[in-house]
Amino acid sequence: MTVQRGTGGRDEPTPAAQRAATARGLQQQFPGVRVWYGEATGSWWAMVPLREGPRLLEAPSPQQLREEIMSLRSRG
């Protein structure tokens, strides 16, 4: 994980490293779902496999993306 020097003199993960760790965490929570942060859009994205075919989701935060994945999976 890439780090940067924090205000207290401690090493802290870079924003990109934090986003990557968040995406990995969501992918572990939802096996088979691909999650990423769109640098150009500033949105969180997920490709969710369903019986009727994959579904692309977009959300402004990882928390909202998690909720949308759970909602979509409960319906499909």
Protein backbone atom coordinates (compact mmCIF):
# COMPACT_ATOMS: atom_id res chain seq x y z
CA MET A 1 0.00 0.00 0.00
CA THR A 2 1.33 3.44 -0.88
CA VAL A 3 1.73 5.82 2.03
CA GLN A 4 2.18 9.53 2.55
CA ARG A 5 3.40 11.48 5.57
CA GLY A 6 0.45 12.59 7.72
CA THR A 7 0.07 15.73 9.77
CA GLY A 8 1.24 13.99 12.95
CA GLY A 9 4.40 12.78 11.21
CA ARG A 10 2.91 9.30 10.76
CA ASP A 11 2.66 7.48 7.46
CA GLU A 12 -0.90 7.33 6.13
CA PRO A 13 -2.31 5.55 3.07
CA THR A 14 -2.77 7.74 0.00
CA PRO A 15 -6.34 8.40 -1.13
CA ALA A 16 -5.80 6.02 -4.07
CA ALA A 17 -4.59 3.28 -1.72
CA GLN A 18 -7.60 3.85 0.55
CA ARG A 19 -9.98 3.57 -2.42
CA ALA A 20 -8.27 0.36 -3.58
CA ALA A 21 -8.59 -1.14 -0.10
CA THR A 22 -12.27 -0.16 0.03
CA ALA A 23 -12.89 -1.79 -3.37
CA ARG A 24 -11.13 -4.97 -2.21
CA GLY A 25 -13.24 -5.04 0.93
CA LEU A 26 -16.48 -4.76 -1.04
CA GLN A 27 -15.34 -7.48 -3.44
CA GLN A 28 -14.60 -9.76 -0.49
CA GLN A 29 -18.02 -9.03 0.96
CA PHE A 30 -19.72 -9.75 -2.38
CA PRO A 31 -17.85 -12.57 -4.17
CA GLY A 32 -18.15 -12.36 -7.93
CA VAL A 33 -18.85 -8.61 -7.88
CA ARG A 34 -16.21 -6.36 -9.46
CA VAL A 35 -15.87 -2.97 -7.70
CA TRP A 36 -13.84 0.10 -8.67
CA TYR A 37 -13.60 3.85 -8.21
CA GLY A 38 -13.91 5.91 -11.37
CA GLU A 39 -11.21 8.58 -11.33
CA ALA A 40 -12.86 10.45 -14.23
CA THR A 41 -16.40 10.27 -12.83
CA GLY A 42 -15.66 10.45 -9.11
CA SER A 43 -18.20 7.65 -8.63
CA TRP A 44 -18.03 4.14 -7.23
CA TRP A 45 -18.94 1.36 -9.69
CA ALA A 46 -19.83 -2.31 -9.47
CA MET A 47 -20.49 -5.01 -12.05
CA VAL A 48 -22.94 -7.41 -10.39
CA PRO A 49 -23.49 -10.82 -11.99
CA LEU A 50 -27.14 -11.89 -11.99
CA ARG A 51 -29.03 -14.81 -13.54
CA GLU A 52 -30.43 -12.57 -16.28
CA GLY A 53 -27.00 -11.08 -17.01
CA PRO A 54 -24.57 -8.62 -15.41
CA ARG A 55 -25.77 -5.27 -14.08
CA LEU A 56 -23.67 -2.11 -13.81
CA LEU A 57 -24.24 0.05 -10.72
CA GLU A 58 -22.97 3.56 -9.94
CA ALA A 59 -23.04 5.32 -6.56
CA PRO A 60 -21.48 8.43 -5.03
CA SER A 61 -20.02 6.56 -2.04
CA PRO A 62 -18.88 3.04 -1.17
CA GLN A 63 -21.58 2.86 1.51
CA GLN A 64 -24.32 3.64 -0.99
CA LEU A 65 -22.82 1.20 -3.51
CA ARG A 66 -22.94 -1.52 -0.84
CA GLU A 67 -26.62 -0.77 -0.20
CA GLU A 68 -27.41 -0.86 -3.93
CA ILE A 69 -25.60 -4.20 -4.37
CA MET A 70 -27.52 -5.70 -1.45
CA SER A 71 -30.83 -4.35 -2.79
CA LEU A 72 -30.17 -5.63 -6.30
CA ARG A 73 -29.15 -9.08 -5.05
CA SER A 74 -32.25 -9.37 -2.86
CA ARG A 75 -34.44 -8.69 -5.92
CA GLY A 76 -32.50 -10.86 -8.35
